[in-house]
Amino acid sequence: YHWLLGSEQNVKPIDFPHFSEIIESWGKQLYQTNFTVCEMVAVGLGLDFYRITDTLKKGSHYISPPGVDLSKSKPGDVITGFHRDFGLITSQAKTRFPGLMA
């Protein structure tokens, strides 16, 4: 499941009435955090402050939440198998459940 930030063409889950507002808000916070990290990396590498963030602005920004009902899974189930991320930077929210390996 992928959500493109700011797009009107995203498919909205039927059973989650405020999903759009929540994921857009969460996504914007992640986006800003990634920008801050990239600015710090640029300064640390001796680059112009906006060198990396200017590149990020030209890209697409996806959120990919694994929508899982944990009451229907059991220990040992694979929720999201091996995959590759796409983009310049990938951020991962802190897991509240054991087993996440990144």
N, C-alpha and C. Protein backbone atom coordinates (compact mmCIF):
# COMPACT_ATOMS: atom_id res chain seq x y z
N TYR A 1 0.84 -1.17 0.00
CA TYR A 1 0.00 0.00 0.00
C TYR A 1 0.88 1.22 0.00
N HIS A 2 0.72 2.11 -0.95
CA HIS A 2 1.51 3.33 -1.03
C HIS A 2 0.58 4.54 -1.06
N TRP A 3 0.97 5.58 -0.34
CA TRP A 3 0.22 6.83 -0.30
C TRP A 3 1.15 7.93 -0.78
N LEU A 4 0.82 8.56 -1.89
CA LEU A 4 1.62 9.65 -2.42
C LEU A 4 1.16 10.95 -1.75
N LEU A 5 2.06 11.57 -1.00
CA LEU A 5 1.69 12.79 -0.27
C LEU A 5 1.19 13.86 -1.22
N GLY A 6 0.07 14.47 -0.86
CA GLY A 6 -0.49 15.57 -1.62
C GLY A 6 -1.29 15.19 -2.85
N SER A 7 -1.43 13.91 -3.14
CA SER A 7 -2.13 13.47 -4.34
C SER A 7 -3.62 13.25 -4.07
N GLU A 8 -4.44 13.68 -4.98
CA GLU A 8 -5.88 13.46 -4.87
C GLU A 8 -6.27 12.09 -5.43
N GLN A 9 -5.33 11.38 -6.03
CA GLN A 9 -5.63 10.11 -6.67
C GLN A 9 -5.38 8.90 -5.77
N ASN A 10 -5.03 9.13 -4.52
CA ASN A 10 -4.81 8.02 -3.59
C ASN A 10 -6.11 7.28 -3.32
N VAL A 11 -6.02 5.99 -3.14
CA VAL A 11 -7.18 5.18 -2.78
C VAL A 11 -7.33 5.22 -1.26
N LYS A 12 -8.49 5.67 -0.81
CA LYS A 12 -8.73 5.82 0.63
C LYS A 12 -9.42 4.59 1.20
N PRO A 13 -8.91 4.07 2.32
CA PRO A 13 -9.56 2.91 2.94
C PRO A 13 -10.98 3.25 3.38
N ILE A 14 -11.91 2.37 3.14
CA ILE A 14 -13.32 2.58 3.48
C ILE A 14 -13.54 2.54 4.99
N ASP A 15 -12.85 1.63 5.66
CA ASP A 15 -13.09 1.41 7.10
C ASP A 15 -12.30 2.35 8.00
N PHE A 16 -11.67 3.38 7.46
CA PHE A 16 -10.84 4.28 8.25
C PHE A 16 -11.20 5.70 7.81
N PRO A 17 -12.27 6.29 8.37
CA PRO A 17 -12.82 7.54 7.87
C PRO A 17 -11.87 8.74 7.84
N HIS A 18 -10.96 8.87 8.76
CA HIS A 18 -10.07 10.03 8.80
C HIS A 18 -8.65 9.70 8.35
N PHE A 19 -8.52 8.61 7.60
CA PHE A 19 -7.21 8.13 7.17
C PHE A 19 -6.45 9.20 6.39
N SER A 20 -7.10 9.87 5.46
CA SER A 20 -6.43 10.86 4.62
C SER A 20 -5.78 11.96 5.45
N GLU A 21 -6.54 12.50 6.38
CA GLU A 21 -6.02 13.58 7.21
C GLU A 21 -4.86 13.11 8.09
N ILE A 22 -5.00 11.91 8.65
CA ILE A 22 -3.98 11.38 9.55
C ILE A 22 -2.69 11.08 8.80
N ILE A 23 -2.78 10.40 7.66
CA ILE A 23 -1.56 10.03 6.94
C ILE A 23 -0.89 11.25 6.31
N GLU A 24 -1.67 12.22 5.87
CA GLU A 24 -1.08 13.44 5.32
C GLU A 24 -0.32 14.21 6.42
N SER A 25 -0.91 14.30 7.60
CA SER A 25 -0.26 14.99 8.71
C SER A 25 1.02 14.25 9.12
N TRP A 26 0.91 12.94 9.25
CA TRP A 26 2.07 12.12 9.62
C TRP A 26 3.15 12.23 8.55
N GLY A 27 2.73 12.16 7.30
CA GLY A 27 3.67 12.24 6.19
C GLY A 27 4.40 13.57 6.13
N LYS A 28 3.70 14.65 6.38
CA LYS A 28 4.33 15.97 6.37
C LYS A 28 5.35 16.10 7.49
N GLN A 29 5.06 15.49 8.63
CA GLN A 29 6.02 15.51 9.75
C GLN A 29 7.27 14.70 9.39
N LEU A 30 7.08 13.53 8.80
CA LEU A 30 8.23 12.72 8.35
C LEU A 30 9.03 13.46 7.29
N TYR A 31 8.34 14.09 6.36
CA TYR A 31 8.95 14.85 5.28
C TYR A 31 9.84 15.95 5.86
N GLN A 32 9.31 16.70 6.82
CA GLN A 32 10.08 17.78 7.42
C GLN A 32 11.27 17.23 8.21
N THR A 33 11.07 16.11 8.90
CA THR A 33 12.17 15.49 9.63
C THR A 33 13.28 15.06 8.67
N ASN A 34 12.90 14.46 7.55
CA ASN A 34 13.88 14.04 6.55
C ASN A 34 14.64 15.25 5.99
N PHE A 35 13.94 16.36 5.78
CA PHE A 35 14.59 17.57 5.29
C PHE A 35 15.63 18.05 6.30
N THR A 36 15.27 18.05 7.57
CA THR A 36 16.19 18.49 8.61
C THR A 36 17.43 17.60 8.66
N VAL A 37 17.22 16.29 8.58
CA VAL A 37 18.35 15.35 8.57
C VAL A 37 19.24 15.62 7.36
N CYS A 38 18.66 15.82 6.22
CA CYS A 38 19.44 16.06 5.00
C CYS A 38 20.22 17.38 5.09
N GLU A 39 19.64 18.39 5.70
CA GLU A 39 20.35 19.66 5.90
C GLU A 39 21.55 19.45 6.82
N MET A 40 21.37 18.67 7.87
CA MET A 40 22.48 18.39 8.79
C MET A 40 23.57 17.58 8.10
N VAL A 41 23.18 16.61 7.27
CA VAL A 41 24.16 15.81 6.52
C VAL A 41 24.94 16.72 5.57
N ALA A 42 24.24 17.61 4.88
CA ALA A 42 24.91 18.52 3.94
C ALA A 42 25.95 19.37 4.66
N VAL A 43 25.58 19.93 5.80
CA VAL A 43 26.52 20.74 6.57
C VAL A 43 27.70 19.88 7.01
N GLY A 44 27.42 18.67 7.49
CA GLY A 44 28.49 17.78 7.93
C GLY A 44 29.45 17.40 6.82
N LEU A 45 28.94 17.32 5.60
CA LEU A 45 29.79 16.96 4.45
C LEU A 45 30.45 18.17 3.80
N GLY A 46 30.16 19.35 4.35
CA GLY A 46 30.75 20.56 3.79
C GLY A 46 30.07 21.04 2.52
N LEU A 47 28.84 20.59 2.28
CA LEU A 47 28.09 21.00 1.09
C LEU A 47 27.26 22.22 1.40
N ASP A 48 26.74 22.83 0.35
CA ASP A 48 25.78 23.91 0.52
C ASP A 48 24.58 23.38 1.31
N PHE A 49 24.05 24.20 2.20
CA PHE A 49 22.96 23.81 3.10
C PHE A 49 21.79 23.13 2.37
N TYR A 50 21.43 23.64 1.19
CA TYR A 50 20.26 23.14 0.45
C TYR A 50 20.61 22.12 -0.63
N ARG A 51 21.84 21.69 -0.70
CA ARG A 51 22.28 20.80 -1.79
C ARG A 51 21.45 19.51 -1.87
N ILE A 52 21.21 18.87 -0.74
CA ILE A 52 20.46 17.60 -0.74
C ILE A 52 18.96 17.86 -0.76
N THR A 53 18.49 18.84 0.00
CA THR A 53 17.04 19.09 0.06
C THR A 53 16.49 19.59 -1.27
N ASP A 54 17.29 20.29 -2.05
CA ASP A 54 16.82 20.70 -3.38
C ASP A 54 16.54 19.48 -4.24
N THR A 55 17.31 18.42 -4.07
CA THR A 55 17.09 17.17 -4.80
C THR A 55 15.80 16.50 -4.31
N LEU A 56 15.58 16.52 -3.00
CA LEU A 56 14.37 15.90 -2.45
C LEU A 56 13.09 16.56 -2.95
N LYS A 57 13.12 17.86 -3.12
CA LYS A 57 11.91 18.59 -3.54
C LYS A 57 11.41 18.14 -4.91
N LYS A 58 12.29 17.62 -5.73
CA LYS A 58 11.92 17.21 -7.09
C LYS A 58 11.37 15.79 -7.14
N GLY A 59 11.41 15.07 -6.03
CA GLY A 59 11.00 13.68 -6.02
C GLY A 59 9.55 13.49 -5.59
N SER A 60 9.11 12.26 -5.65
CA SER A 60 7.79 11.92 -5.13
C SER A 60 7.97 11.40 -3.72
N HIS A 61 6.99 11.63 -2.88
CA HIS A 61 7.11 11.30 -1.47
C HIS A 61 5.98 10.36 -1.07
N TYR A 62 6.36 9.12 -0.83
CA TYR A 62 5.40 8.07 -0.52
C TYR A 62 5.46 7.67 0.94
N ILE A 63 4.31 7.31 1.46
CA ILE A 63 4.21 6.67 2.77
C ILE A 63 3.66 5.28 2.47
N SER A 64 4.26 4.28 3.07
CA SER A 64 3.83 2.90 2.82
C SER A 64 3.52 2.20 4.14
N PRO A 65 2.37 2.49 4.71
CA PRO A 65 2.03 1.84 5.98
C PRO A 65 1.57 0.40 5.77
N PRO A 66 2.12 -0.53 6.53
CA PRO A 66 1.60 -1.90 6.43
C PRO A 66 0.31 -1.99 7.25
N GLY A 67 -0.81 -1.92 6.59
CA GLY A 67 -2.10 -1.99 7.28
C GLY A 67 -2.39 -3.41 7.72
N VAL A 68 -2.19 -3.68 8.99
CA VAL A 68 -2.31 -5.05 9.49
C VAL A 68 -3.18 -5.07 10.73
N ASP A 69 -4.09 -6.01 10.77
CA ASP A 69 -4.89 -6.25 11.98
C ASP A 69 -4.14 -7.31 12.78
N LEU A 70 -3.41 -6.86 13.79
CA LEU A 70 -2.56 -7.79 14.55
C LEU A 70 -3.37 -8.81 15.33
N SER A 71 -4.66 -8.57 15.52
CA SER A 71 -5.47 -9.57 16.21
C SER A 71 -5.72 -10.79 15.33
N LYS A 72 -5.45 -10.66 14.02
CA LYS A 72 -5.66 -11.78 13.09
C LYS A 72 -4.36 -12.45 12.71
N SER A 73 -3.25 -12.04 13.32
CA SER A 73 -1.97 -12.68 13.01
C SER A 73 -1.46 -13.37 14.27
N LYS A 74 -0.48 -14.21 14.06
CA LYS A 74 0.09 -14.96 15.19
C LYS A 74 1.60 -14.77 15.19
N PRO A 75 2.26 -15.01 16.31
CA PRO A 75 3.71 -14.87 16.36
C PRO A 75 4.37 -15.69 15.25
N GLY A 76 5.32 -15.08 14.58
CA GLY A 76 6.02 -15.75 13.49
C GLY A 76 5.50 -15.40 12.11
N ASP A 77 4.30 -14.80 12.03
CA ASP A 77 3.77 -14.39 10.73
C ASP A 77 4.64 -13.28 10.14
N VAL A 78 4.87 -13.34 8.85
CA VAL A 78 5.60 -12.28 8.16
C VAL A 78 4.58 -11.27 7.66
N ILE A 79 4.68 -10.05 8.14
CA ILE A 79 3.74 -9.00 7.76
C ILE A 79 4.18 -8.34 6.45
N THR A 80 5.41 -7.90 6.42
CA THR A 80 5.98 -7.31 5.21
C THR A 80 7.29 -8.01 4.94
N GLY A 81 7.34 -8.75 3.85
CA GLY A 81 8.54 -9.50 3.53
C GLY A 81 9.65 -8.62 3.01
N PHE A 82 10.71 -9.25 2.54
CA PHE A 82 11.85 -8.51 2.00
C PHE A 82 11.39 -7.59 0.88
N HIS A 83 11.85 -6.37 0.92
CA HIS A 83 11.54 -5.41 -0.13
C HIS A 83 12.64 -4.36 -0.20
N ARG A 84 12.66 -3.65 -1.27
CA ARG A 84 13.62 -2.55 -1.43
C ARG A 84 12.85 -1.24 -1.36
N ASP A 85 13.44 -0.28 -0.70
CA ASP A 85 12.84 1.05 -0.66
C ASP A 85 13.32 1.81 -1.89
N PHE A 86 12.57 2.81 -2.26
CA PHE A 86 12.96 3.60 -3.41
C PHE A 86 12.99 5.06 -2.99
N GLY A 87 14.00 5.75 -3.42
CA GLY A 87 14.12 7.16 -3.08
C GLY A 87 15.48 7.46 -2.46
N LEU A 88 15.71 8.74 -2.23
CA LEU A 88 16.98 9.18 -1.68
C LEU A 88 17.11 8.87 -0.20
N ILE A 89 16.00 8.98 0.54
CA ILE A 89 16.04 8.75 1.98
C ILE A 89 14.80 7.96 2.39
N THR A 90 15.00 7.05 3.31
CA THR A 90 13.91 6.24 3.84
C THR A 90 13.91 6.41 5.35
N SER A 91 12.76 6.72 5.91
CA SER A 91 12.67 6.81 7.37
C SER A 91 11.68 5.77 7.86
N GLN A 92 11.96 5.28 9.03
CA GLN A 92 11.15 4.21 9.61
C GLN A 92 10.69 4.66 10.98
N ALA A 93 9.40 4.61 11.21
CA ALA A 93 8.88 4.94 12.53
C ALA A 93 9.30 3.86 13.52
N LYS A 94 9.38 4.21 14.78
CA LYS A 94 9.74 3.25 15.81
C LYS A 94 8.65 2.19 15.90
N THR A 95 9.06 0.95 15.95
CA THR A 95 8.10 -0.14 16.06
C THR A 95 7.62 -0.27 17.50
N ARG A 96 6.38 -0.65 17.64
CA ARG A 96 5.81 -0.91 18.97
C ARG A 96 5.72 -2.40 19.23
N PHE A 97 6.18 -3.19 18.27
CA PHE A 97 6.06 -4.64 18.37
C PHE A 97 7.41 -5.28 18.10
N PRO A 98 7.72 -6.39 18.75
CA PRO A 98 8.99 -7.05 18.50
C PRO A 98 9.03 -7.69 17.12
N GLY A 99 10.22 -7.83 16.60
CA GLY A 99 10.38 -8.57 15.35
C GLY A 99 10.78 -7.74 14.16
N LEU A 100 10.73 -6.41 14.27
CA LEU A 100 11.12 -5.58 13.13
C LEU A 100 12.63 -5.65 12.96
N MET A 101 13.05 -6.00 11.76
CA MET A 101 14.46 -6.01 11.44
C MET A 101 14.68 -5.13 10.23
N ALA A 102 15.48 -4.09 10.40
CA ALA A 102 15.72 -3.17 9.30
C ALA A 102 17.20 -3.05 9.04
